[in-house]
C-alpha cells in the first residue's frame, strides 16, 4: 500500500553548523569556531546515518542536501565518507541528486574538484549580490570578481550549479536590480534562488532595524514591484519560477527542495536539522538540538534529537497546504482530502477563484501570480477554522 509521503519522495538533509563569519541577515543555525575536529564530526555523522537508516530500511533515497552553515568548509574526505555511508545504507534513485552549499571564496572553490570526486553532483553557491558595496553590507567575505571566478570553477566540475541572490537591499532601485539580475542570468546557470531581503529578529540586521539604524530598505510597493520584475526578467531568460523564490530551466529544479514542497519525508541530521518522518503510518516532526557541542556529545547516547512531535491530521493538512501552494504545480485536492479527512471548503475555493487568486482544474489547485503576492492570506483563507 502506498503511503502518502511517497508522493513527495524521500530525502536526507545534513547540517554543517560552521561558518567563517556570521552574516548580519542570517537566522540559520550557524556558528563561528576557531578550530573544528573534522574527524569527530565525520564519525558523529556516520553514527547518526546508521541510526536513521535503521528506521527507514529499504526506502529509495531521491536526494541528499549538505546545508549550513557553510558545508564547503567541510573536509572533502569527510563528505566522501558520508556519501559512501549513505549509499551503503539506502537504495538510491538512478539520478540521485547530491547538493552541497558553498561560498564563492577562492579557498572553497579550490575544493570543488575534490567535492565532485567525493560524489557531490550539484553545487548551490551563496553569491547574494553582484555588487561589491552591497556584498560588504551583507557581511560577505568575497567580492564580485571572486564570486564570478568561483562560479566558473564550479561550472567546470559540476553539471548543475545554482546560486542565490538577495534583492530589496538598502538603497537598491528596480533598475539596479534589473541590471544585476540580467547579468546573473547571462551566466551559464540552470537554477537560481532569488530572495527578497527579510529582517529577522535576533540577527544583527534585526537589532539594527529595531534601533532605526537600517536605512534605505524598500517600501512594500517597491518590494512588490521588484518581485514582479523578477518574474518577468526570469521568464524572458527561460528561467520561470517553479516556486515562490526559485527559478529553473526545464528539468533543473532542485529535487531535494521539491521533496519538502511536495510533502515527502526527509531525515534531518546535524545541529538544528529538522525532518518529517512517517513511521508505522504516523508522521512525526523531528528536530535536532541546535547547539553544536550539545549535538556532538549527544551522539554517543543517541540523544541528538528533541522529543519527536506526532503530527495530527489537521497539522499535516495545514503543512501540506503551506508547502504545496508555494510551487507552481500546486496541489492535488484529493490528496489534501485524504490527509485531512475532509475536503477544502467549496465556498473558500469559489471565492478565491472569483477574485483571481487561484485556479482549480480538475483535481489540481494552483495559486495564480497575483495570489503568490499575498500567499499567506490565500492559505489562511483555505485553512479550516
Protein backbone atom coordinates (compact mmCIF):
# COMPACT_ATOMS: atom_id res chain seq x y z
CA UNK A 1 0.00 0.00 0.00
CA UNK A 2 1.37 3.42 -1.00
CA UNK A 3 1.90 5.78 1.94
CA UNK A 4 1.24 9.49 1.49
CA UNK A 5 4.90 10.56 1.86
CA UNK A 6 5.81 8.51 -1.22
CA UNK A 7 4.02 11.07 -3.41
CA UNK A 8 6.67 13.59 -2.34
CA UNK A 9 9.73 11.33 -2.21
CA UNK A 10 12.42 10.71 0.40
CA UNK A 11 15.38 12.97 1.11
CA UNK A 12 18.24 13.46 3.53
CA UNK A 13 19.41 16.81 4.88
CA UNK A 14 22.82 17.09 6.57
CA UNK A 15 23.55 20.28 8.51
CA UNK A 16 27.11 21.57 8.89
CA UNK A 17 26.82 24.33 11.50
CA UNK A 18 30.06 26.26 10.99
CA UNK A 19 30.84 29.45 9.06
CA UNK A 20 33.88 31.71 8.75
CA UNK A 21 31.74 34.69 9.74
CA UNK A 22 28.11 35.30 10.71
CA UNK A 23 26.20 37.31 8.09
CA UNK A 24 24.09 40.10 9.60
CA UNK A 25 20.85 38.95 7.89
CA UNK A 26 21.24 35.23 8.71
CA UNK A 27 18.94 33.50 11.19
CA UNK A 28 20.11 29.97 10.35
CA UNK A 29 21.83 27.78 12.92
CA UNK A 30 25.40 28.79 12.09
CA UNK A 31 28.39 29.32 14.36
CA UNK A 32 31.91 30.69 14.01
CA UNK A 33 34.53 28.38 15.53
CA UNK A 34 38.32 28.73 15.58
CA UNK A 35 39.00 25.01 15.43
CA UNK A 36 36.85 22.11 14.24
CA UNK A 37 37.70 18.47 14.83
CA UNK A 38 36.75 17.20 11.37
CA UNK A 39 37.32 13.54 12.32
CA UNK A 40 35.00 13.78 15.33
CA UNK A 41 32.28 15.37 13.22
CA UNK A 42 32.67 12.80 10.46
CA UNK A 43 32.34 9.96 12.97
CA UNK A 44 29.26 11.59 14.51
CA UNK A 45 27.51 11.93 11.14
CA UNK A 46 28.30 8.29 10.33
CA UNK A 47 26.77 7.11 13.63
CA UNK A 48 23.64 9.22 13.05
CA UNK A 49 23.27 7.99 9.47
CA UNK A 50 23.33 4.37 10.71
CA UNK A 51 20.67 5.21 13.31
CA UNK A 52 18.44 6.92 10.74
CA UNK A 53 18.88 4.07 8.27
CA UNK A 54 17.75 1.51 10.84
CA UNK A 55 14.35 3.30 10.95
CA UNK A 56 13.93 3.62 7.19
CA UNK A 57 15.25 0.34 5.78
CA UNK A 58 14.58 -0.22 2.10
CA UNK A 59 13.39 3.29 1.27
CA UNK A 60 14.67 4.64 -2.03
CA UNK A 61 16.59 7.86 -1.43
CA UNK A 62 15.94 10.60 -4.03
CA UNK A 63 18.14 13.48 -2.84
CA UNK A 64 20.84 14.49 -0.36
CA UNK A 65 21.50 18.09 0.65
CA UNK A 66 24.51 19.36 2.61
CA UNK A 67 23.36 22.68 4.09
CA UNK A 68 24.56 25.05 6.76
CA UNK A 69 26.40 26.97 7.89
CA UNK A 70 28.97 26.60 5.12
CA UNK A 71 29.36 22.94 4.11
CA UNK A 72 32.11 23.82 1.64
CA UNK A 73 34.30 24.28 4.75
CA UNK A 74 33.99 20.53 5.35
CA UNK A 75 36.97 18.37 4.55
CA UNK A 76 36.25 16.70 1.17
CA UNK A 77 37.26 13.34 2.71
CA UNK A 78 34.52 13.82 5.33
CA UNK A 79 31.98 14.46 2.57
CA UNK A 80 33.24 11.39 0.65
CA UNK A 81 32.89 9.15 3.72
CA UNK A 82 29.36 10.44 4.40
CA UNK A 83 28.25 9.87 0.79
CA UNK A 84 29.79 6.39 0.81
CA UNK A 85 27.89 5.56 4.01
CA UNK A 86 24.62 6.93 2.57
CA UNK A 87 24.93 4.70 -0.48
CA UNK A 88 25.60 1.67 1.73
CA UNK A 89 22.54 2.36 3.93
CA UNK A 90 19.80 3.10 1.37
CA UNK A 91 18.93 2.07 -2.17
CA UNK A 92 19.13 5.27 -4.23
CA UNK A 93 17.32 6.55 -7.31
CA UNK A 94 19.31 6.28 -10.56
CA UNK A 95 19.58 10.07 -10.71
CA UNK A 96 20.35 10.68 -7.01
CA UNK A 97 20.87 14.42 -6.55
CA UNK A 98 23.62 15.32 -4.05
CA UNK A 99 23.82 19.08 -3.43
CA UNK A 100 26.41 20.94 -1.40
CA UNK A 101 26.06 24.61 -0.41
CA UNK A 102 29.21 26.63 -1.00
CA UNK A 103 30.52 30.14 -0.57
CA UNK A 104 32.36 31.55 -3.58
CA UNK A 105 35.70 32.20 -1.91
CA UNK A 106 38.88 31.05 -3.64
CA UNK A 107 39.63 28.68 -0.73
CA UNK A 108 36.33 26.83 -1.12
CA UNK A 109 36.43 26.92 -4.92
CA UNK A 110 39.79 25.15 -4.64
CA UNK A 111 37.95 22.19 -3.07
CA UNK A 112 35.36 21.83 -5.85
CA UNK A 113 37.25 19.13 -7.76
CA UNK A 114 37.59 17.08 -4.55
CA UNK A 115 33.88 17.51 -3.73
CA UNK A 116 32.99 16.28 -7.21
CA UNK A 117 35.24 13.28 -6.72
CA UNK A 118 33.55 12.66 -3.35
CA UNK A 119 30.22 12.24 -5.13
CA UNK A 120 28.62 15.71 -4.99
CA UNK A 121 26.89 16.41 -8.32
CA UNK A 122 25.21 19.76 -7.69
CA UNK A 123 26.50 22.94 -6.01
CA UNK A 124 24.42 25.79 -4.64
CA UNK A 125 26.50 28.96 -4.29
CA UNK A 126 25.73 31.78 -1.86
CA UNK A 127 26.72 34.70 -4.08
CA UNK A 128 23.96 37.07 -2.75
CA UNK A 129 24.97 40.17 -4.78
CA UNK A 130 27.00 41.17 -7.84
CA UNK A 131 27.97 44.48 -6.32
CA UNK A 132 30.99 44.91 -4.03
CA UNK A 133 29.46 47.59 -1.81
CA UNK A 134 26.36 45.50 -1.14
CA UNK A 135 28.42 42.36 -0.57
CA UNK A 136 30.27 44.24 2.15
CA UNK A 137 26.99 45.46 3.69
CA UNK A 138 25.68 41.90 3.68
CA UNK A 139 28.78 40.75 5.57
CA UNK A 140 30.01 38.54 2.74
CA UNK A 141 33.72 37.69 2.66
CA UNK A 142 34.02 37.55 -1.16
CA UNK A 143 33.92 40.27 -3.82
CA UNK A 144 32.18 40.15 -7.21
CA UNK A 145 35.27 39.04 -9.14
CA UNK A 146 35.91 36.18 -6.70
CA UNK A 147 32.28 35.11 -6.99
CA UNK A 148 32.38 35.03 -10.80
CA UNK A 149 35.71 33.16 -10.79
CA UNK A 150 34.37 30.59 -8.30
CA UNK A 151 31.27 30.18 -10.44
CA UNK A 152 33.41 29.38 -13.48
CA UNK A 153 35.32 26.76 -11.46
CA UNK A 154 32.03 25.26 -10.27
CA UNK A 155 30.72 25.03 -13.85
CA UNK A 156 33.90 23.19 -14.87
CA UNK A 157 33.31 20.48 -12.25
CA UNK A 158 29.54 20.20 -11.84
CA UNK A 159 26.81 19.73 -14.41
CA UNK A 160 24.33 21.50 -12.18
CA UNK A 161 25.14 24.79 -10.46
CA UNK A 162 22.70 27.08 -8.68
CA UNK A 163 23.27 30.35 -6.90
CA UNK A 164 21.43 32.63 -4.52
CA UNK A 165 20.88 36.36 -4.85
CA UNK A 166 19.22 38.71 -2.37
CA UNK A 167 17.23 41.72 -3.61
CA UNK A 168 15.35 44.51 -1.89
CA UNK A 169 18.67 45.61 -0.44
CA UNK A 170 19.41 49.00 1.09
CA UNK A 171 19.01 51.85 -1.44
CA UNK A 172 18.55 49.39 -4.31
CA UNK A 173 16.30 50.61 -7.14
CA UNK A 174 14.27 48.48 -9.55
CA UNK A 175 16.67 49.46 -12.33
CA UNK A 176 19.67 48.39 -10.21
CA UNK A 177 18.07 45.00 -9.60
CA UNK A 178 17.01 44.53 -13.23
CA UNK A 179 20.57 45.14 -14.43
CA UNK A 180 22.08 42.81 -11.81
CA UNK A 181 19.55 40.06 -12.44
CA UNK A 182 20.11 40.21 -16.21
CA UNK A 183 23.87 39.92 -15.61
CA UNK A 184 23.31 36.88 -13.38
CA UNK A 185 21.11 35.19 -15.96
CA UNK A 186 23.70 35.58 -18.73
CA UNK A 187 25.95 33.19 -16.79
CA UNK A 188 25.61 29.51 -17.66
CA UNK A 189 23.21 28.65 -14.86
CA UNK A 190 20.24 26.32 -14.79
CA UNK A 191 18.84 27.28 -11.37
CA UNK A 192 18.73 30.43 -9.28
CA UNK A 193 17.19 31.24 -5.89
CA UNK A 194 16.12 34.88 -5.58
CA UNK A 195 15.18 36.03 -2.10
CA UNK A 196 13.79 39.37 -1.02
CA UNK A 197 15.78 40.61 1.99
CA UNK A 198 13.81 39.96 5.14
CA UNK A 199 14.77 41.40 8.51
CA UNK A 200 14.65 38.64 11.11
CA UNK A 201 14.55 39.11 14.88
CA UNK A 202 17.71 38.01 16.63
CA UNK A 203 20.02 38.89 13.71
CA UNK A 204 22.45 41.82 13.53
CA UNK A 205 20.19 43.43 10.90
CA UNK A 206 17.18 42.84 13.16
CA UNK A 207 18.89 44.63 16.06
CA UNK A 208 19.98 47.47 13.79
CA UNK A 209 16.50 47.81 12.33
CA UNK A 210 14.93 47.94 15.81
CA UNK A 211 17.25 50.86 16.65
CA UNK A 212 16.27 52.69 13.44
CA UNK A 213 19.79 52.26 12.03
CA UNK A 214 18.97 50.21 8.92
CA UNK A 215 18.11 52.83 6.35
CA UNK A 216 17.12 52.65 2.69
CA UNK A 217 15.03 49.46 2.79
CA UNK A 218 12.37 49.30 0.04
CA UNK A 219 8.75 50.22 0.68
CA UNK A 220 6.14 47.48 0.42
CA UNK A 221 5.14 48.75 -3.03
CA UNK A 222 8.74 48.79 -4.29
CA UNK A 223 9.26 45.29 -2.90
CA UNK A 224 6.15 44.08 -4.78
CA UNK A 225 7.38 45.78 -7.98
CA UNK A 226 10.78 44.09 -7.60
CA UNK A 227 9.10 40.71 -7.15
CA UNK A 228 7.04 41.24 -10.31
CA UNK A 229 10.11 42.42 -12.22
CA UNK A 230 11.97 39.28 -11.10
CA UNK A 231 9.26 37.05 -12.59
CA UNK A 232 9.24 38.96 -15.91
CA UNK A 233 13.04 39.01 -16.38
CA UNK A 234 13.43 35.34 -15.45
CA UNK A 235 10.58 34.30 -17.78
CA UNK A 236 12.27 36.12 -20.67
CA UNK A 237 15.51 34.24 -19.96
CA UNK A 238 13.83 30.81 -19.92
CA UNK A 239 14.11 30.53 -16.13
CA UNK A 240 10.49 30.60 -14.92
CA UNK A 241 9.60 30.35 -11.25
CA UNK A 242 8.67 26.85 -10.16
CA UNK A 243 8.36 28.01 -6.54
CA UNK A 244 7.94 31.43 -4.92
CA UNK A 245 11.69 32.18 -4.77
CA UNK A 246 13.17 29.54 -7.07
CA UNK A 247 13.64 29.63 -10.84
CA UNK A 248 15.00 26.93 -13.13
CA UNK A 249 15.35 25.77 -16.68
CA UNK A 250 13.11 22.82 -17.50
CA UNK A 251 14.36 19.70 -15.70
CA UNK A 252 16.81 21.59 -13.47
CA UNK A 253 14.53 22.11 -10.46
CA UNK A 254 16.05 21.26 -7.07
CA UNK A 255 14.86 17.71 -6.44
CA UNK A 256 15.67 17.97 -2.76
CA UNK A 257 13.58 21.09 -2.21
CA UNK A 258 10.72 19.56 -4.20
CA UNK A 259 10.59 16.79 -1.60
CA UNK A 260 9.80 19.47 1.02
CA UNK A 261 7.24 21.24 -1.15
CA UNK A 262 5.56 18.01 -2.28
CA UNK A 263 5.32 16.99 1.39
CA UNK A 264 7.54 13.93 1.21
CA UNK A 265 9.60 12.51 4.05
CA UNK A 266 13.10 13.71 4.84
CA UNK A 267 15.62 12.97 7.56
CA UNK A 268 17.44 15.87 9.22
CA UNK A 269 20.91 15.13 10.63
CA UNK A 270 23.20 17.65 12.34
CA UNK A 271 22.73 20.52 14.83
CA UNK A 272 19.33 22.20 14.42
CA UNK A 273 18.29 20.00 11.48
CA UNK A 274 14.56 19.41 11.05
CA UNK A 275 12.87 16.39 9.50
CA UNK A 276 9.50 14.85 8.66
CA UNK A 277 9.33 11.11 9.07
CA UNK A 278 6.45 8.67 8.60
CA UNK A 279 6.81 5.56 10.79
CA UNK A 280 4.11 2.89 11.11
CA UNK A 281 1.64 5.17 9.34
CA UNK A 282 2.21 8.15 11.66
CA UNK A 283 4.01 11.32 10.56
CA UNK A 284 6.45 12.89 13.01
CA UNK A 285 8.24 16.24 13.10
CA UNK A 286 11.86 15.80 14.18
CA UNK A 287 14.34 18.45 15.32
CA UNK A 288 17.95 18.03 16.42
CA UNK A 289 19.42 20.07 19.26
CA UNK A 290 20.86 23.25 17.76
CA UNK A 291 23.94 23.74 19.94
CA UNK A 292 26.82 22.03 18.08
CA UNK A 293 28.51 20.71 21.24
CA UNK A 294 25.19 19.51 22.69
CA UNK A 295 24.50 17.62 19.45
CA UNK A 296 28.02 16.20 19.16
CA UNK A 297 28.14 14.92 22.73
CA UNK A 298 24.61 13.53 22.35
CA UNK A 299 25.59 11.21 19.50
CA UNK A 300 27.14 8.53 21.74
CA UNK A 301 23.99 8.44 23.91
CA UNK A 302 21.59 8.60 20.93
CA UNK A 303 20.32 11.92 22.30
CA UNK A 304 20.75 14.27 19.35
CA UNK A 305 17.02 14.90 18.83
CA UNK A 306 14.42 16.71 20.86
CA UNK A 307 11.37 14.57 21.66
CA UNK A 308 9.55 13.87 18.40
CA UNK A 309 6.24 15.57 17.77
CA UNK A 310 3.42 13.39 16.47
CA UNK A 311 1.61 15.46 13.82
CA UNK A 312 -2.20 15.37 13.88
CA UNK A 313 -4.13 15.06 10.61
CA UNK A 314 -5.05 18.75 10.95
CA UNK A 315 -1.37 19.75 11.32
CA UNK A 316 -0.38 17.57 8.38
CA UNK A 317 -3.12 19.05 6.18
CA UNK A 318 -2.01 22.59 7.10
CA UNK A 319 1.64 21.79 6.36
CA UNK A 320 0.63 20.23 3.05
CA UNK A 321 -1.09 23.50 2.08
CA UNK A 322 1.77 25.68 3.35
CA UNK A 323 4.35 23.73 1.37
CA UNK A 324 2.40 22.67 -1.71
CA UNK A 325 0.89 26.02 -2.62
CA UNK A 326 4.38 27.55 -2.87
CA UNK A 327 5.07 25.58 -6.05
CA UNK A 328 3.68 26.42 -9.48
CA UNK A 329 2.35 22.88 -9.94
CA UNK A 330 0.05 23.38 -6.93
CA UNK A 331 -1.59 20.54 -5.00
CA UNK A 332 -3.93 17.62 -5.52
CA UNK A 333 -7.32 18.32 -3.91
CA UNK A 334 -7.97 14.60 -3.40
CA UNK A 335 -4.61 14.19 -1.66
CA UNK A 336 -5.49 17.07 0.68
CA UNK A 337 -8.82 15.40 1.46
CA UNK A 338 -7.11 12.08 2.13
CA UNK A 339 -4.63 13.70 4.55
CA UNK A 340 -7.18 15.86 6.40
CA UNK A 341 -10.24 13.61 6.26
CA UNK A 342 -12.33 16.42 4.76
CA UNK A 343 -12.27 18.42 1.50
CA UNK A 344 -11.31 22.07 1.27
CA UNK A 345 -14.26 24.44 1.62
CA UNK A 346 -16.06 24.89 -1.71
CA UNK A 347 -17.05 28.42 -0.65
CA UNK A 348 -13.41 29.36 0.03
CA UNK A 349 -12.27 27.84 -3.28
CA UNK A 350 -15.03 29.60 -5.23
CA UNK A 351 -14.32 32.96 -3.57
CA UNK A 352 -10.56 32.81 -4.17
CA UNK A 353 -11.19 31.66 -7.73
CA UNK A 354 -13.67 34.51 -8.38
CA UNK A 355 -11.17 37.16 -7.26
CA UNK A 356 -8.39 35.69 -9.41
CA UNK A 357 -6.16 34.31 -6.65
CA UNK A 358 -6.34 30.61 -7.52
CA UNK A 359 -7.30 28.30 -10.34
CA UNK A 360 -8.89 24.87 -9.95
CA UNK A 361 -8.64 22.47 -12.88
CA UNK A 362 -9.96 19.00 -12.19
CA UNK A 363 -8.11 17.72 -9.13
CA UNK A 364 -5.46 20.45 -9.27
CA UNK A 365 -5.38 23.66 -7.23
CA UNK A 366 -2.76 26.24 -8.23
CA UNK A 367 -2.13 29.75 -6.95
CA UNK A 368 -2.08 32.36 -9.72
CA UNK A 369 0.59 35.09 -9.91
CA UNK A 370 -1.48 37.70 -8.08
CA UNK A 371 -2.20 35.13 -5.37
CA UNK A 372 1.51 34.43 -4.90
CA UNK A 373 1.95 38.09 -3.89
CA UNK A 374 -0.40 37.50 -0.94
CA UNK A 375 0.21 33.78 -0.47
CA UNK A 376 -0.14 33.80 3.32
CA UNK A 377 -3.59 35.37 3.03
CA UNK A 378 -4.63 32.80 0.40
CA UNK A 379 -3.53 29.91 2.61
CA UNK A 380 -5.20 31.47 5.65
CA UNK A 381 -8.49 31.65 3.70
CA UNK A 382 -8.23 27.94 2.81
CA UNK A 383 -7.30 26.57 6.24
CA UNK A 384 -10.44 25.37 8.06
CA UNK A 385 -11.22 27.46 11.16
